[in-house]
Amino acid sequence: MPIHEFKCKKCGKIFESLLLNKSEKEKVVCPSCGTAQVEPLISTFSLSGSSSGKGASLPLSSSCSTSGRFS
């Protein structure tokens, strides 16, 4: 989901907003004070779904193989 995190420059509230395309960033307003003076924050993300509770792991190797099948 394209959920983005913002910080209001007026009241300092940090909030999230669902944006389906880039043009919607210009329409984001603070839910607390209603100002459009907001700045995007750099957010981290996590993957989940592993039954071990440690989250999903991504393979470190490329899906391209040099096993000699295609020379």
PDB file of N, CA and C in Angstrom:
ATOM      1  N   MET A   1       0.844  -1.183   0.000  1.00  0.00           N
ATOM      2  CA  MET A   1       0.000   0.000   0.000  1.00  0.00           C
ATOM      3  C   MET A   1       0.888   1.245   0.000  1.00  0.00           C
ATOM      4  N   PRO A   2       0.514   2.233  -0.772  1.00  0.00           N
ATOM      5  CA  PRO A   2       1.308   3.470  -0.833  1.00  0.00           C
ATOM      6  C   PRO A   2       0.946   4.431   0.306  1.00  0.00           C
ATOM      7  N   ILE A   3       1.321   4.068   1.512  1.00  0.00           N
ATOM      8  CA  ILE A   3       1.056   4.925   2.670  1.00  0.00           C
ATOM      9  C   ILE A   3       2.309   5.751   2.928  1.00  0.00           C
ATOM     10  N   HIS A   4       2.141   7.059   2.995  1.00  0.00           N
ATOM     11  CA  HIS A   4       3.262   7.971   3.184  1.00  0.00           C
ATOM     12  C   HIS A   4       3.120   8.666   4.528  1.00  0.00           C
ATOM     13  N   GLU A   5       4.252   8.988   5.123  1.00  0.00           N
ATOM     14  CA  GLU A   5       4.279   9.645   6.427  1.00  0.00           C
ATOM     15  C   GLU A   5       4.656  11.108   6.232  1.00  0.00           C
ATOM     16  N   PHE A   6       3.955  11.993   6.921  1.00  0.00           N
ATOM     17  CA  PHE A   6       4.180  13.429   6.814  1.00  0.00           C
ATOM     18  C   PHE A   6       4.308  14.050   8.199  1.00  0.00           C
ATOM     19  N   LYS A   7       4.940  15.234   8.243  1.00  0.00           N
ATOM     20  CA  LYS A   7       5.012  16.019   9.472  1.00  0.00           C
ATOM     21  C   LYS A   7       4.494  17.417   9.153  1.00  0.00           C
ATOM     22  N   CYS A   8       3.602  17.893  10.004  1.00  0.00           N
ATOM     23  CA  CYS A   8       3.045  19.229   9.832  1.00  0.00           C
ATOM     24  C   CYS A   8       4.078  20.267  10.268  1.00  0.00           C
ATOM     25  N   LYS A   9       4.315  21.259   9.420  1.00  0.00           N
ATOM     26  CA  LYS A   9       5.269  22.318   9.748  1.00  0.00           C
ATOM     27  C   LYS A   9       4.683  23.325  10.737  1.00  0.00           C
ATOM     28  N   LYS A  10       3.362  23.353  10.864  1.00  0.00           N
ATOM     29  CA  LYS A  10       2.714  24.322  11.749  1.00  0.00           C
ATOM     30  C   LYS A  10       2.553  23.786  13.183  1.00  0.00           C
ATOM     31  N   CYS A  11       1.971  22.581  13.319  1.00  0.00           N
ATOM     32  CA  CYS A  11       1.708  22.069  14.666  1.00  0.00           C
ATOM     33  C   CYS A  11       2.635  20.920  15.073  1.00  0.00           C
ATOM     34  N   GLY A  12       3.416  20.381  14.128  1.00  0.00           N
ATOM     35  CA  GLY A  12       4.382  19.341  14.441  1.00  0.00           C
ATOM     36  C   GLY A  12       3.834  17.927  14.471  1.00  0.00           C
ATOM     37  N   LYS A  13       2.547  17.749  14.196  1.00  0.00           N
ATOM     38  CA  LYS A  13       1.947  16.410  14.224  1.00  0.00           C
ATOM     39  C   LYS A  13       2.511  15.557  13.095  1.00  0.00           C
ATOM     40  N   ILE A  14       2.799  14.295  13.403  1.00  0.00           N
ATOM     41  CA  ILE A  14       3.224  13.319  12.406  1.00  0.00           C
ATOM     42  C   ILE A  14       2.022  12.435  12.097  1.00  0.00           C
ATOM     43  N   PHE A  15       1.741  12.262  10.807  1.00  0.00           N
ATOM     44  CA  PHE A  15       0.575  11.489  10.400  1.00  0.00           C
ATOM     45  C   PHE A  15       0.862  10.747   9.103  1.00  0.00           C
ATOM     46  N   GLU A  16      -0.006   9.799   8.784  1.00  0.00           N
ATOM     47  CA  GLU A  16       0.119   9.012   7.566  1.00  0.00           C
ATOM     48  C   GLU A  16      -1.022   9.341   6.628  1.00  0.00           C
ATOM     49  N   SER A  17      -0.755   9.178   5.324  1.00  0.00           N
ATOM     50  CA  SER A  17      -1.777   9.424   4.324  1.00  0.00           C
ATOM     51  C   SER A  17      -1.621   8.423   3.189  1.00  0.00           C
ATOM     52  N   LEU A  18      -2.722   7.881   2.727  1.00  0.00           N
ATOM     53  CA  LEU A  18      -2.722   6.954   1.600  1.00  0.00           C
ATOM     54  C   LEU A  18      -2.735   7.762   0.310  1.00  0.00           C
ATOM     55  N   LEU A  19      -1.700   7.597  -0.503  1.00  0.00           N
ATOM     56  CA  LEU A  19      -1.595   8.323  -1.765  1.00  0.00           C
ATOM     57  C   LEU A  19      -1.509   7.314  -2.900  1.00  0.00           C
ATOM     58  N   LEU A  20      -2.443   7.404  -3.825  1.00  0.00           N
ATOM     59  CA  LEU A  20      -2.464   6.458  -4.927  1.00  0.00           C
ATOM     60  C   LEU A  20      -1.607   6.911  -6.102  1.00  0.00           C
ATOM     61  N   ASN A  21      -1.310   8.213  -6.184  1.00  0.00           N
ATOM     62  CA  ASN A  21      -0.390   8.701  -7.217  1.00  0.00           C
ATOM     63  C   ASN A  21       0.331   9.944  -6.701  1.00  0.00           C
ATOM     64  N   LYS A  22       1.398  10.335  -7.410  1.00  0.00           N
ATOM     65  CA  LYS A  22       2.255  11.430  -6.939  1.00  0.00           C
ATOM     66  C   LYS A  22       1.535  12.771  -6.866  1.00  0.00           C
ATOM     67  N   SER A  23       0.548  12.999  -7.717  1.00  0.00           N
ATOM     68  CA  SER A  23      -0.139  14.293  -7.725  1.00  0.00           C
ATOM     69  C   SER A  23      -0.947  14.525  -6.441  1.00  0.00           C
ATOM     70  N   GLU A  24      -1.270  13.475  -5.727  1.00  0.00           N
ATOM     71  CA  GLU A  24      -2.023  13.621  -4.480  1.00  0.00           C
ATOM     72  C   GLU A  24      -1.180  14.205  -3.351  1.00  0.00           C
ATOM     73  N   LYS A  25       0.159  14.189  -3.463  1.00  0.00           N
ATOM     74  CA  LYS A  25       1.020  14.763  -2.417  1.00  0.00           C
ATOM     75  C   LYS A  25       0.762  16.246  -2.239  1.00  0.00           C
ATOM     76  N   GLU A  26       0.376  16.920  -3.309  1.00  0.00           N
ATOM     77  CA  GLU A  26       0.119  18.359  -3.257  1.00  0.00           C
ATOM     78  C   GLU A  26      -1.177  18.677  -2.518  1.00  0.00           C
ATOM     79  N   LYS A  27      -2.047  17.693  -2.331  1.00  0.00           N
ATOM     80  CA  LYS A  27      -3.354  17.903  -1.701  1.00  0.00           C
ATOM     81  C   LYS A  27      -3.394  17.481  -0.235  1.00  0.00           C
ATOM     82  N   VAL A  28      -2.266  17.005   0.308  1.00  0.00           N
ATOM     83  CA  VAL A  28      -2.240  16.507   1.687  1.00  0.00           C
ATOM     84  C   VAL A  28      -2.339  17.672   2.666  1.00  0.00           C
ATOM     85  N   VAL A  29      -3.229  17.537   3.647  1.00  0.00           N
ATOM     86  CA  VAL A  29      -3.370  18.542   4.700  1.00  0.00           C
ATOM     87  C   VAL A  29      -3.263  17.844   6.062  1.00  0.00           C
ATOM     88  N   CYS A  30      -2.830  18.585   7.044  1.00  0.00           N
ATOM     89  CA  CYS A  30      -2.696  18.070   8.395  1.00  0.00           C
ATOM     90  C   CYS A  30      -4.090  17.777   8.966  1.00  0.00           C
ATOM     91  N   PRO A  31      -4.304  16.581   9.515  1.00  0.00           N
ATOM     92  CA  PRO A  31      -5.608  16.264  10.094  1.00  0.00           C
ATOM     93  C   PRO A  31      -5.895  17.020  11.392  1.00  0.00           C
ATOM     94  N   SER A  32      -4.863  17.561  12.045  1.00  0.00           N
ATOM     95  CA  SER A  32      -5.059  18.275  13.306  1.00  0.00           C
ATOM     96  C   SER A  32      -5.420  19.737  13.105  1.00  0.00           C
ATOM     97  N   CYS A  33      -4.617  20.434  12.282  1.00  0.00           N
ATOM     98  CA  CYS A  33      -4.837  21.876  12.149  1.00  0.00           C
ATOM     99  C   CYS A  33      -5.323  22.294  10.754  1.00  0.00           C
ATOM    100  N   GLY A  34      -5.298  21.378   9.788  1.00  0.00           N
ATOM    101  CA  GLY A  34      -5.850  21.670   8.468  1.00  0.00           C
ATOM    102  C   GLY A  34      -4.919  22.399   7.508  1.00  0.00           C
ATOM    103  N   THR A  35      -3.692  22.679   7.912  1.00  0.00           N
ATOM    104  CA  THR A  35      -2.778  23.392   7.024  1.00  0.00           C
ATOM    105  C   THR A  35      -2.209  22.442   5.964  1.00  0.00           C
ATOM    106  N   ALA A  36      -1.847  23.005   4.837  1.00  0.00           N
ATOM    107  CA  ALA A  36      -1.208  22.237   3.765  1.00  0.00           C
ATOM    108  C   ALA A  36       0.309  22.328   3.869  1.00  0.00           C
ATOM    109  N   GLN A  37       0.813  22.951   4.929  1.00  0.00           N
ATOM    110  CA  GLN A  37       2.252  23.095   5.128  1.00  0.00           C
ATOM    111  C   GLN A  37       2.789  21.826   5.796  1.00  0.00           C
ATOM    112  N   VAL A  38       2.945  20.792   4.993  1.00  0.00           N
ATOM    113  CA  VAL A  38       3.425  19.505   5.494  1.00  0.00           C
ATOM    114  C   VAL A  38       4.665  19.090   4.717  1.00  0.00           C
ATOM    115  N   GLU A  39       5.500  18.282   5.362  1.00  0.00           N
ATOM    116  CA  GLU A  39       6.690  17.770   4.688  1.00  0.00           C
ATOM    117  C   GLU A  39       6.697  16.253   4.771  1.00  0.00           C
ATOM    118  N   PRO A  40       7.087  15.597   3.677  1.00  0.00           N
ATOM    119  CA  PRO A  40       7.141  14.134   3.714  1.00  0.00           C
ATOM    120  C   PRO A  40       8.319  13.663   4.562  1.00  0.00           C
ATOM    121  N   LEU A  41       8.124  12.566   5.261  1.00  0.00           N
ATOM    122  CA  LEU A  41       9.179  11.961   6.063  1.00  0.00           C
ATOM    123  C   LEU A  41       9.662  10.698   5.377  1.00  0.00           C
ATOM    124  N   ILE A  42      10.903  10.355   5.607  1.00  0.00           N
ATOM    125  CA  ILE A  42      11.440   9.110   5.081  1.00  0.00           C
ATOM    126  C   ILE A  42      11.064   8.016   6.066  1.00  0.00           C
ATOM    127  N   SER A  43      10.314   7.049   5.577  1.00  0.00           N
ATOM    128  CA  SER A  43       9.820   5.978   6.436  1.00  0.00           C
ATOM    129  C   SER A  43      10.558   4.681   6.157  1.00  0.00           C
ATOM    130  N   THR A  44      10.580   3.826   7.148  1.00  0.00           N
ATOM    131  CA  THR A  44      11.111   2.486   6.955  1.00  0.00           C
ATOM    132  C   THR A  44       9.941   1.549   6.736  1.00  0.00           C
ATOM    133  N   PHE A  45      10.225   0.376   6.241  1.00  0.00           N
ATOM    134  CA  PHE A  45       9.170  -0.599   6.063  1.00  0.00           C
ATOM    135  C   PHE A  45       9.671  -1.958   6.515  1.00  0.00           C
ATOM    136  N   SER A  46       8.740  -2.851   6.742  1.00  0.00           N
ATOM    137  CA  SER A  46       9.119  -4.205   7.132  1.00  0.00           C
ATOM    138  C   SER A  46       8.250  -5.185   6.365  1.00  0.00           C
ATOM    139  N   LEU A  47       8.777  -6.366   6.215  1.00  0.00           N
ATOM    140  CA  LEU A  47       8.042  -7.451   5.586  1.00  0.00           C
ATOM    141  C   LEU A  47       7.657  -8.431   6.662  1.00  0.00           C
ATOM    142  N   SER A  48       6.480  -8.997   6.545  1.00  0.00           N
ATOM    143  CA  SER A  48       6.076  -9.989   7.523  1.00  0.00           C
ATOM    144  C   SER A  48       5.434 -11.155   6.803  1.00  0.00           C
ATOM    145  N   GLY A  49       5.131 -12.187   7.537  1.00  0.00           N
ATOM    146  CA  GLY A  49       4.490 -13.341   6.957  1.00  0.00           C
ATOM    147  C   GLY A  49       5.203 -14.635   7.291  1.00  0.00           C
ATOM    148  N   SER A  50       6.361 -14.559   7.892  1.00  0.00           N
ATOM    149  CA  SER A  50       7.094 -15.749   8.279  1.00  0.00           C
ATOM    150  C   SER A  50       6.466 -16.339   9.531  1.00  0.00           C
ATOM    151  N   SER A  51       6.337 -17.634   9.568  1.00  0.00           N
ATOM    152  CA  SER A  51       5.737 -18.264  10.742  1.00  0.00           C
ATOM    153  C   SER A  51       6.670 -18.261  11.944  1.00  0.00           C
ATOM    154  N   SER A  52       7.950 -17.971  11.718  1.00  0.00           N
ATOM    155  CA  SER A  52       8.894 -17.957  12.829  1.00  0.00           C
ATOM    156  C   SER A  52       8.834 -16.665  13.633  1.00  0.00           C
ATOM    157  N   GLY A  53       8.112 -15.664  13.104  1.00  0.00           N
ATOM    158  CA  GLY A  53       8.001 -14.400  13.808  1.00  0.00           C
ATOM    159  C   GLY A  53       9.161 -13.461  13.560  1.00  0.00           C
ATOM    160  N   LYS A  54      10.080 -13.836  12.707  1.00  0.00           N
ATOM    161  CA  LYS A  54      11.236 -13.001  12.420  1.00  0.00           C
ATOM    162  C   LYS A  54      11.041 -12.165  11.165  1.00  0.00           C
ATOM    163  N   GLY A  55       9.886 -12.252  10.526  1.00  0.00           N
ATOM    164  CA  GLY A  55       9.652 -11.526   9.286  1.00  0.00           C
ATOM    165  C   GLY A  55      10.138 -12.328   8.103  1.00  0.00           C
ATOM    166  N   ALA A  56       9.844 -11.844   6.935  1.00  0.00           N
ATOM    167  CA  ALA A  56      10.238 -12.551   5.717  1.00  0.00           C
ATOM    168  C   ALA A  56      11.669 -12.218   5.365  1.00  0.00           C
ATOM    169  N   SER A  57      12.340 -13.163   4.788  1.00  0.00           N
ATOM    170  CA  SER A  57      13.697 -12.899   4.341  1.00  0.00           C
ATOM    171  C   SER A  57      13.721 -12.894   2.829  1.00  0.00           C
ATOM    172  N   LEU A  58      14.560 -12.067   2.272  1.00  0.00           N
ATOM    173  CA  LEU A  58      14.679 -11.965   0.834  1.00  0.00           C
ATOM    174  C   LEU A  58      15.935 -12.687   0.398  1.00  0.00           C
ATOM    175  N   PRO A  59      15.880 -13.346  -0.767  1.00  0.00           N
ATOM    176  CA  PRO A  59      17.082 -14.032  -1.238  1.00  0.00           C
ATOM    177  C   PRO A  59      18.169 -13.032  -1.584  1.00  0.00           C
ATOM    178  N   LEU A  60      19.405 -13.400  -1.288  1.00  0.00           N
ATOM    179  CA  LEU A  60      20.517 -12.512  -1.563  1.00  0.00           C
ATOM    180  C   LEU A  60      21.111 -12.735  -2.942  1.00  0.00           C
ATOM    181  N   SER A  61      20.719 -13.807  -3.604  1.00  0.00           N
ATOM    182  CA  SER A  61      21.273 -14.089  -4.921  1.00  0.00           C
ATOM    183  C   SER A  61      20.318 -13.633  -6.009  1.00  0.00           C
ATOM    184  N   SER A  62      20.846 -13.427  -7.182  1.00  0.00           N
ATOM    185  CA  SER A  62      20.055 -13.006  -8.323  1.00  0.00           C
ATOM    186  C   SER A  62      19.259 -14.166  -8.867  1.00  0.00           C
ATOM    187  N   SER A  63      18.135 -13.887  -9.502  1.00  0.00           N
ATOM    188  CA  SER A  63      17.353 -14.940 -10.116  1.00  0.00           C
ATOM    189  C   SER A  63      17.952 -15.358 -11.458  1.00  0.00           C
ATOM    190  N   CYS A  64      18.917 -14.627 -11.948  1.00  0.00           N
ATOM    191  CA  CYS A  64      19.601 -14.978 -13.191  1.00  0.00           C
ATOM    192  C   CYS A  64      20.661 -16.025 -12.882  1.00  0.00           C
ATOM    193  N   SER A  65      20.689 -17.053 -13.649  1.00  0.00           N
ATOM    194  CA  SER A  65      21.629 -18.141 -13.392  1.00  0.00           C
ATOM    195  C   SER A  65      22.664 -18.218 -14.494  1.00  0.00           C
ATOM    196  N   THR A  66      23.877 -18.564 -14.123  1.00  0.00           N
ATOM    197  CA  THR A  66      24.943 -18.777 -15.103  1.00  0.00           C
ATOM    198  C   THR A  66      25.332 -20.241 -15.077  1.00  0.00           C
ATOM    199  N   SER A  67      24.326 -21.115 -14.948  1.00  0.00           N
ATOM    200  CA  SER A  67      24.598 -22.538 -14.830  1.00  0.00           C
ATOM    201  C   SER A  67      24.923 -23.208 -16.159  1.00  0.00           C
ATOM    202  N   GLY A  68      24.989 -22.458 -17.240  1.00  0.00           N
ATOM    203  CA  GLY A  68      25.353 -23.034 -18.519  1.00  0.00           C
ATOM    204  C   GLY A  68      24.161 -23.429 -19.380  1.00  0.00           C
ATOM    205  N   ARG A  69      22.964 -23.199 -18.893  1.00  0.00           N
ATOM    206  CA  ARG A  69      21.784 -23.548 -19.664  1.00  0.00           C
ATOM    207  C   ARG A  69      21.675 -22.690 -20.915  1.00  0.00           C
ATOM    208  N   PHE A  70      22.041 -21.435 -20.805  1.00  0.00           N
ATOM    209  CA  PHE A  70      21.995 -20.514 -21.936  1.00  0.00           C
ATOM    210  C   PHE A  70      23.390 -19.959 -22.151  1.00  0.00           C
ATOM    211  N   SER A  71      24.012 -20.329 -23.230  1.00  0.00           N
ATOM    212  CA  SER A  71      25.385 -19.880 -23.479  1.00  0.00           C
ATOM    213  C   SER A  71      25.405 -18.857 -24.575  1.00  0.00           C
TER     214      SER A  71
END
